[in-house]
Amino acid sequence: MADSPGALLSILRDGQARTRAELVQLTGLARSTVSQRLDALLLQRWIVPAEDTISSGGRPSTAFAFNPLARIVLAADLGVTHAHLAITDLHGAILAEHAGDLAIDQGPEPCLGWLLENFTKLLAECGHGLADVCGLGVGLPGPVDHQSGRPVNPPLMPGWDGFSVTTWLGSRISAPVLVDNDVNIMALGEHTAAGPQAGHLLFAKVGTGIGCGIIADDRLHRGARGAAGDIGHIGVPGSDVVCRCGNIGCLEAVAGGGALAARLRGEGLQTADARDVVRLVRAGDTRAIRLVRQSGRELGLVLASIVNFFNPSQIVIGGDLADAGEHLIAGVREVIYGRSLPLATQRLDIRPSALGARAGVTGAAAMVVDHVLAPDAVDQSVQR
């Protein structure tokens, strides 16, 4: 409803403090109704009186502002071999964070147990408890049914298929748990950082595997079943490499960090994963540089078709291989600008991630905040 407390909070979420009179003018509601809604929001600490009062010559009027510290958010970005955790306020500002190695193939309970153990430490570090938590957002490195919070046949996550992450975690923290694949939450994070000029954005993660998150009209596009953006299994013309999915010539099997590391191992180098490939690039190894540049071209070949179809305003490249600097992105740009339509590339910005390793936790937090501060959710919170 337009006159609900949640709808009023949506107005104040822009960070601008407003008086009762201003809110009456904005909403068209009676002053008494606005006062009731403000009192309900004040009781739950969703808003606070602004420090500065506003005077029009008579008695100063109190202004009210959104309170980003009303609750805190837990955000987790779990990769294949490492994880990043953060605690944020409702504006997404990071209050505490932790990154560490974590093998996702241990299975769900060991990994999620590690997650809870480290969140407990972070909560103590920033002086909060579970009672302050309004929700937990989790990104996983595989296909996820967002509605149920269950991974679906994740190729790099043995033992996770069909496991209810939301149920397992929700019973332990007593707060909403939202789960999505890691590329989607990274796309949300980059969109949050880029602002309104990034209403149509593609985020390509190039790590062990390759995936793409899609922002369309300022909203994350998941597709009918949550499988949108799985570009890692689009075929690269002319390739006969067998992919772990069973198909031939998948982009991930040709240009992913795992594939590059295996190729360099075949040349006698010690490369276990994408991060080792980046280490060699930074050390000036010409073989690694050549492979990363070619990886960018192959990624660009797939993205060029998507550019013609989707017409994004920005393409953001992230993941471990993006840390190789301009070598990867130069290859992407070379092919996209050469093969896509001039109208589609006229104002297209192709750039590295602005958030780097924090893209996932930023997006996971944004996913939770949008859920918790939706007008209906706020209305339910003030009725308790």
Protein backbone atom coordinates (compact mmCIF):
# COMPACT_ATOMS: atom_id res chain seq x y z
CA MET A 1 0.00 0.00 0.00
CA ALA A 2 1.19 3.52 -0.81
CA ASP A 3 0.53 4.73 2.71
CA SER A 4 2.32 1.91 4.55
CA PRO A 5 5.39 2.35 6.79
CA GLY A 6 7.44 0.34 4.28
CA ALA A 7 6.49 2.67 1.43
CA LEU A 8 7.47 5.67 3.56
CA LEU A 9 10.83 4.05 4.35
CA SER A 10 11.42 3.53 0.61
CA ILE A 11 11.27 7.30 0.20
CA LEU A 12 13.76 7.89 3.02
CA ARG A 13 16.22 5.25 1.81
CA ASP A 14 17.78 7.76 -0.59
CA GLY A 15 19.63 9.21 2.40
CA GLN A 16 17.93 12.60 2.38
CA ALA A 17 16.42 13.71 5.71
CA ARG A 18 12.84 14.94 5.46
CA THR A 19 10.38 16.61 7.81
CA ARG A 20 6.80 15.52 8.42
CA ALA A 21 5.59 18.41 6.27
CA GLU A 22 7.81 17.34 3.37
CA LEU A 23 6.59 13.75 3.63
CA VAL A 24 2.97 14.92 3.71
CA GLN A 25 3.61 16.88 0.51
CA LEU A 26 5.40 13.96 -1.16
CA THR A 27 2.83 11.29 -0.28
CA GLY A 28 -0.42 13.25 -0.19
CA LEU A 29 -1.25 11.56 3.14
CA ALA A 30 -2.76 13.28 6.17
CA ARG A 31 -0.24 14.60 8.68
CA SER A 32 -1.64 12.27 11.36
CA THR A 33 -1.12 9.24 9.06
CA VAL A 34 2.46 10.27 8.29
CA SER A 35 3.12 10.70 12.02
CA GLN A 36 1.78 7.20 12.75
CA ARG A 37 3.98 5.69 10.06
CA LEU A 38 7.04 7.57 11.31
CA ASP A 39 6.39 6.43 14.90
CA ALA A 40 6.22 2.79 13.74
CA LEU A 41 9.51 3.14 11.88
CA LEU A 42 11.16 4.91 14.81
CA LEU A 43 10.13 2.10 17.15
CA GLN A 44 11.96 -0.44 14.98
CA ARG A 45 14.93 1.95 14.52
CA TRP A 46 14.52 1.90 10.73
CA ILE A 47 14.73 5.69 10.89
CA VAL A 48 16.23 8.21 13.34
CA PRO A 49 15.79 11.94 13.89
CA ALA A 50 18.39 13.76 11.84
CA GLU A 51 21.04 15.63 13.77
CA ASP A 52 20.13 18.94 12.20
CA THR A 53 16.66 20.38 12.52
CA ILE A 54 15.17 22.46 9.73
CA SER A 55 13.90 25.93 10.51
CA SER A 56 11.62 28.06 8.38
CA GLY A 57 11.74 31.01 10.76
CA GLY A 58 9.52 29.61 13.50
CA ARG A 59 10.00 26.53 15.66
CA PRO A 60 12.52 24.17 14.03
CA SER A 61 11.00 21.03 12.48
CA THR A 62 12.56 17.63 13.12
CA ALA A 63 13.78 15.83 10.03
CA PHE A 64 13.92 12.04 9.82
CA ALA A 65 16.50 9.94 8.01
CA PHE A 66 17.06 6.29 7.17
CA ASN A 67 19.18 4.50 9.80
CA PRO A 68 21.76 2.27 8.07
CA LEU A 69 22.80 0.86 11.45
CA ALA A 70 19.32 -0.36 12.35
CA ARG A 71 20.43 -3.89 11.47
CA ILE A 72 23.51 -5.60 10.09
CA VAL A 73 23.90 -7.98 7.16
CA LEU A 74 26.04 -11.10 6.81
CA ALA A 75 27.45 -11.61 3.29
CA ALA A 76 29.39 -14.62 2.00
CA ASP A 77 31.03 -15.23 -1.37
CA LEU A 78 32.14 -18.88 -1.56
CA GLY A 79 34.42 -19.85 -4.43
CA VAL A 80 35.85 -23.20 -5.47
CA THR A 81 39.02 -22.82 -3.41
CA HIS A 82 38.56 -19.70 -1.30
CA ALA A 83 35.89 -17.60 0.41
CA HIS A 84 35.25 -13.99 1.38
CA LEU A 85 32.96 -13.02 4.27
CA ALA A 86 31.77 -9.57 5.33
CA ILE A 87 29.47 -7.86 7.80
CA THR A 88 27.87 -4.70 6.43
CA ASP A 89 25.39 -2.05 7.45
CA LEU A 90 22.21 -1.41 5.46
CA HIS A 91 24.06 0.92 3.09
CA GLY A 92 26.51 -1.88 2.28
CA ALA A 93 29.44 -0.31 4.17
CA ILE A 94 31.75 -3.10 5.37
CA LEU A 95 32.12 -3.24 9.16
CA ALA A 96 34.31 -6.37 9.29
CA GLU A 97 35.55 -8.93 6.78
CA HIS A 98 37.56 -12.13 6.44
CA ALA A 99 39.03 -13.96 3.45
CA GLY A 100 40.50 -17.44 3.57
CA ASP A 101 41.09 -20.68 1.72
CA LEU A 102 38.08 -22.99 1.63
CA ALA A 103 37.70 -26.08 -0.55
CA ILE A 104 34.09 -26.21 -1.70
CA ASP A 105 34.42 -29.93 -2.49
CA GLN A 106 34.49 -30.70 1.25
CA GLY A 107 30.70 -30.66 1.03
CA PRO A 108 28.00 -28.37 2.41
CA GLU A 109 28.10 -28.96 6.16
CA PRO A 110 31.88 -28.51 6.64
CA CYS A 111 31.86 -25.39 4.43
CA LEU A 112 28.78 -23.82 6.01
CA GLY A 113 30.10 -24.70 9.47
CA TRP A 114 33.32 -22.82 8.61
CA LEU A 115 31.18 -19.90 7.43
CA LEU A 116 29.23 -19.71 10.72
CA GLU A 117 32.37 -20.09 12.82
CA ASN A 118 34.05 -17.17 11.09
CA PHE A 119 30.91 -15.01 11.14
CA THR A 120 30.76 -15.53 14.92
CA LYS A 121 34.31 -14.17 15.17
CA LEU A 122 33.51 -11.21 12.92
CA LEU A 123 30.39 -10.34 14.93
CA ALA A 124 32.46 -10.24 18.11
CA GLU A 125 35.08 -8.15 16.34
CA CYS A 126 32.59 -5.40 15.43
CA GLY A 127 30.60 -5.57 18.68
CA HIS A 128 27.40 -7.17 17.37
CA GLY A 129 25.42 -10.33 18.01
CA LEU A 130 23.06 -12.56 16.04
CA ALA A 131 20.10 -10.52 17.33
CA ASP A 132 21.32 -7.58 15.21
CA VAL A 133 21.42 -9.64 11.99
CA CYS A 134 18.57 -9.05 9.53
CA GLY A 135 19.70 -11.56 6.94
CA LEU A 136 22.48 -13.59 5.33
CA GLY A 137 23.34 -13.58 1.63
CA VAL A 138 25.42 -16.40 0.15
CA GLY A 139 26.99 -16.79 -3.29
CA LEU A 140 27.95 -20.30 -4.46
CA PRO A 141 30.18 -21.32 -7.41
CA GLY A 142 27.55 -23.27 -9.31
CA PRO A 143 23.95 -23.24 -10.58
CA VAL A 144 21.45 -22.32 -7.85
CA ASP A 145 17.66 -22.35 -7.67
CA HIS A 146 17.31 -18.92 -6.08
CA GLN A 147 13.75 -19.53 -4.84
CA SER A 148 14.62 -22.67 -2.86
CA GLY A 149 18.25 -21.86 -2.09
CA ARG A 150 19.38 -25.26 -3.41
CA PRO A 151 22.34 -25.90 -5.74
CA VAL A 152 21.31 -27.76 -8.90
CA ASN A 153 23.82 -30.28 -10.31
CA PRO A 154 26.81 -28.04 -9.51
CA PRO A 155 29.79 -29.55 -11.39
CA LEU A 156 32.48 -28.21 -9.05
CA MET A 157 30.57 -28.86 -5.80
CA PRO A 158 30.33 -32.61 -5.06
CA GLY A 159 27.76 -33.38 -2.35
CA TRP A 160 25.92 -30.07 -2.71
CA ASP A 161 23.25 -31.04 -5.25
CA GLY A 162 19.80 -30.34 -3.78
CA PHE A 163 21.17 -29.39 -0.35
CA SER A 164 18.95 -26.76 1.31
CA VAL A 165 21.44 -24.06 2.21
CA THR A 166 18.65 -21.74 3.37
CA THR A 167 17.20 -24.31 5.79
CA TRP A 168 20.56 -25.35 7.25
CA LEU A 169 21.76 -21.80 7.82
CA GLY A 170 18.35 -20.30 8.66
CA SER A 171 17.83 -22.71 11.57
CA ARG A 172 21.12 -21.55 13.05
CA ILE A 173 20.89 -17.78 12.69
CA SER A 174 17.09 -17.22 12.84
CA ALA A 175 17.15 -14.70 9.99
CA PRO A 176 16.31 -14.84 6.27
CA VAL A 177 18.95 -16.59 4.15
CA LEU A 178 19.20 -15.80 0.42
CA VAL A 179 21.34 -17.88 -1.93
CA ASP A 180 22.44 -17.26 -5.52
CA ASN A 181 25.34 -18.22 -7.75
CA ASP A 182 28.53 -16.27 -7.24
CA VAL A 183 28.48 -14.52 -10.61
CA ASN A 184 25.01 -13.10 -10.02
CA ILE A 185 25.98 -11.58 -6.69
CA MET A 186 29.14 -10.12 -8.24
CA ALA A 187 27.01 -8.52 -10.95
CA LEU A 188 24.78 -7.04 -8.24
CA GLY A 189 27.86 -5.72 -6.44
CA GLU A 190 29.26 -4.04 -9.54
CA HIS A 191 25.85 -2.58 -10.36
CA THR A 192 25.60 -1.17 -6.83
CA ALA A 193 29.03 0.45 -7.18
CA ALA A 194 28.47 1.78 -10.72
CA GLY A 195 25.16 3.51 -10.02
CA PRO A 196 22.40 4.53 -12.44
CA GLN A 197 24.58 4.66 -15.56
CA ALA A 198 24.91 0.86 -15.38
CA GLY A 199 21.27 -0.07 -15.95
CA HIS A 200 22.31 -2.64 -18.57
CA LEU A 201 25.46 -4.39 -17.40
CA LEU A 202 27.20 -7.69 -18.05
CA PHE A 203 29.60 -9.03 -15.45
CA ALA A 204 31.91 -11.79 -16.70
CA LYS A 205 33.79 -13.78 -14.08
CA VAL A 206 36.90 -15.50 -15.39
CA GLY A 207 38.36 -17.79 -12.75
CA THR A 208 38.54 -21.56 -12.57
CA GLY A 209 35.35 -21.45 -14.64
CA ILE A 210 33.62 -18.72 -16.62
CA GLY A 211 30.17 -17.25 -15.98
CA CYS A 212 28.19 -14.10 -16.61
CA GLY A 213 25.77 -12.04 -14.51
CA ILE A 214 23.17 -9.92 -16.29
CA ILE A 215 21.69 -6.62 -15.09
CA ALA A 216 18.77 -5.50 -17.26
CA ASP A 217 16.84 -2.31 -16.50
CA ASP A 218 18.64 -2.11 -13.12
CA ARG A 219 17.47 -5.60 -12.11
CA LEU A 220 19.31 -8.89 -11.94
CA HIS A 221 18.08 -11.20 -14.71
CA ARG A 222 18.11 -14.83 -13.55
CA GLY A 223 16.03 -16.36 -16.32
CA ALA A 224 13.13 -18.82 -16.01
CA ARG A 225 15.03 -21.28 -13.78
CA GLY A 226 18.05 -19.26 -12.65
CA ALA A 227 20.36 -20.49 -15.42
CA ALA A 228 20.77 -17.18 -17.29
CA GLY A 229 24.36 -16.16 -17.97
CA ASP A 230 25.99 -19.60 -18.11
CA ILE A 231 28.31 -18.58 -20.96
CA GLY A 232 31.04 -20.98 -19.85
CA HIS A 233 29.36 -23.75 -21.80
CA ILE A 234 28.86 -21.88 -25.06
CA GLY A 235 30.93 -23.54 -27.76
CA VAL A 236 34.04 -21.86 -29.16
CA PRO A 237 34.27 -22.47 -32.94
CA GLY A 238 37.19 -24.66 -33.98
CA SER A 239 37.92 -26.09 -30.54
CA ASP A 240 37.94 -29.85 -29.89
CA VAL A 241 38.69 -29.69 -26.13
CA VAL A 242 36.42 -31.93 -24.05
CA CYS A 243 34.68 -30.02 -21.24
CA ARG A 244 33.88 -31.48 -17.81
CA CYS A 245 30.19 -31.15 -18.79
CA GLY A 246 30.76 -33.71 -21.55
CA ASN A 247 30.46 -31.36 -24.48
CA ILE A 248 33.19 -30.32 -26.91
CA GLY A 249 34.79 -26.88 -27.13
CA CYS A 250 33.07 -25.09 -24.22
CA LEU A 251 34.45 -21.62 -23.50
CA GLU A 252 35.36 -22.63 -19.94
CA ALA A 253 37.35 -25.66 -21.15
CA VAL A 254 39.24 -23.49 -23.62
CA ALA A 255 39.70 -20.14 -21.84
CA GLY A 256 39.02 -20.68 -18.12
CA GLY A 257 41.74 -20.34 -15.52
CA GLY A 258 41.76 -24.09 -14.86
CA ALA A 259 42.34 -24.79 -18.56
CA LEU A 260 45.19 -22.27 -18.78
CA ALA A 261 46.82 -23.67 -15.64
CA ALA A 262 46.65 -27.21 -17.08
CA ARG A 263 48.19 -26.05 -20.37
CA LEU A 264 51.09 -24.37 -18.56
CA ARG A 265 51.59 -27.48 -16.40
CA GLY A 266 51.97 -29.39 -19.63
CA GLU A 267 54.88 -27.07 -20.43
CA GLY A 268 56.55 -27.93 -17.13
CA LEU A 269 55.40 -24.96 -15.03
CA GLN A 270 53.94 -25.19 -11.53
CA THR A 271 50.43 -23.86 -12.03
CA ALA A 272 47.68 -25.36 -9.87
CA ASP A 273 44.99 -22.78 -10.63
CA ALA A 274 44.14 -19.38 -12.13
CA ARG A 275 45.99 -17.51 -9.39
CA ASP A 276 49.23 -19.26 -10.35
CA VAL A 277 48.66 -18.21 -13.97
CA VAL A 278 48.28 -14.59 -12.82
CA ARG A 279 51.47 -14.91 -10.76
CA LEU A 280 53.38 -15.92 -13.89
CA VAL A 281 51.85 -13.07 -15.92
CA ARG A 282 52.95 -10.58 -13.30
CA ALA A 283 56.43 -12.08 -13.37
CA GLY A 284 56.56 -11.43 -17.13
CA ASP A 285 56.32 -15.04 -18.33
CA THR A 286 55.61 -14.75 -22.05
CA ARG A 287 53.86 -18.13 -22.27
CA ALA A 288 51.36 -17.15 -19.56
CA ILE A 289 50.85 -13.70 -21.07
CA ARG A 290 50.14 -15.22 -24.50
CA LEU A 291 47.60 -17.67 -23.07
CA VAL A 292 45.79 -15.00 -21.03
CA ARG A 293 45.59 -12.66 -24.04
CA GLN A 294 44.16 -15.51 -26.14
CA SER A 295 41.71 -16.33 -23.34
CA GLY A 296 40.48 -12.74 -23.58
CA ARG A 297 39.97 -13.10 -27.34
CA GLU A 298 37.95 -16.31 -26.90
CA LEU A 299 35.85 -14.69 -24.18
CA GLY A 300 35.40 -11.68 -26.46
CA LEU A 301 34.17 -13.95 -29.25
CA VAL A 302 31.30 -15.19 -27.07
CA LEU A 303 30.59 -11.76 -25.58
CA ALA A 304 30.47 -10.13 -29.03
CA SER A 305 27.34 -12.10 -29.90
CA ILE A 306 25.80 -11.18 -26.55
CA VAL A 307 26.62 -7.49 -27.14
CA ASN A 308 24.73 -7.58 -30.45
CA PHE A 309 21.78 -9.32 -28.80
CA PHE A 310 21.61 -7.56 -25.41
CA ASN A 311 23.22 -4.14 -26.11
CA PRO A 312 24.72 -3.52 -22.64
CA SER A 313 26.17 -0.17 -21.59
CA GLN A 314 28.97 -1.79 -19.59
CA ILE A 315 30.89 -5.06 -19.58
CA VAL A 316 32.80 -5.66 -16.36
CA ILE A 317 35.48 -8.35 -16.20
CA GLY A 318 36.26 -9.90 -12.81
CA GLY A 319 37.49 -13.13 -11.26
CA ASP A 320 41.01 -14.38 -10.62
CA LEU A 321 42.22 -14.06 -14.22
CA ALA A 322 41.14 -10.40 -14.32
CA ASP A 323 44.00 -9.76 -11.89
CA ALA A 324 46.36 -10.37 -14.82
CA GLY A 325 45.85 -6.71 -15.71
CA GLU A 326 45.24 -5.41 -19.22
CA HIS A 327 46.27 -8.62 -20.99
CA LEU A 328 42.88 -10.32 -20.55
CA ILE A 329 40.75 -7.23 -21.16
CA ALA A 330 42.80 -6.18 -24.19
CA GLY A 331 41.92 -9.50 -25.82
CA VAL A 332 38.23 -9.03 -24.95
CA ARG A 333 38.14 -5.50 -26.37
CA GLU A 334 40.00 -6.49 -29.52
CA VAL A 335 37.34 -9.01 -30.55
CA ILE A 336 34.20 -7.24 -29.30
CA TYR A 337 35.01 -3.96 -31.02
CA GLY A 338 35.94 -5.85 -34.17
CA ARG A 339 32.90 -8.14 -34.38
CA SER A 340 29.98 -6.33 -32.74
CA LEU A 341 27.71 -3.80 -34.45
CA PRO A 342 28.91 -0.17 -34.35
CA LEU A 343 25.68 1.01 -32.72
CA ALA A 344 26.05 -1.57 -29.95
CA THR A 345 29.67 -0.60 -29.20
CA GLN A 346 29.37 3.17 -29.73
CA ARG A 347 29.19 3.90 -26.00
CA LEU A 348 30.10 0.49 -24.63
CA ASP A 349 32.47 0.58 -21.65
CA ILE A 350 34.57 -2.58 -21.19
CA ARG A 351 36.48 -2.38 -17.94
CA PRO A 352 37.90 -4.39 -15.04
CA SER A 353 35.91 -4.85 -11.83
CA ALA A 354 35.77 -1.75 -9.66
CA LEU A 355 35.31 -3.80 -6.49
CA GLY A 356 37.71 -6.67 -7.10
CA ALA A 357 37.50 -9.32 -4.40
CA ARG A 358 34.70 -7.39 -2.67
CA ALA A 359 32.26 -7.60 -5.59
CA GLY A 360 30.64 -10.80 -4.29
CA VAL A 361 30.09 -9.74 -0.69
CA THR A 362 28.87 -6.32 -1.83
CA GLY A 363 26.29 -7.98 -4.06
CA ALA A 364 25.28 -10.55 -1.44
CA ALA A 365 24.65 -7.73 1.03
CA ALA A 366 22.65 -5.74 -1.56
CA MET A 367 20.52 -8.82 -2.26
CA VAL A 368 19.65 -9.12 1.45
CA VAL A 369 19.01 -5.40 1.92
CA ASP A 370 16.61 -5.26 -1.03
CA HIS A 371 14.74 -8.24 0.43
CA VAL A 372 14.62 -7.01 4.03
CA LEU A 373 13.71 -3.41 3.15
CA ALA A 374 11.04 -4.25 0.60
CA PRO A 375 7.88 -2.39 1.71
CA ASP A 376 5.97 -5.58 2.57
CA ALA A 377 8.87 -6.91 4.67
CA VAL A 378 9.18 -3.63 6.57
CA ASP A 379 5.41 -3.57 7.16
CA GLN A 380 5.63 -7.04 8.71
CA SER A 381 8.54 -6.00 10.93
CA VAL A 382 6.66 -3.02 12.42
CA GLN A 383 3.63 -5.20 13.21
CA ARG A 384 5.60 -7.54 15.48
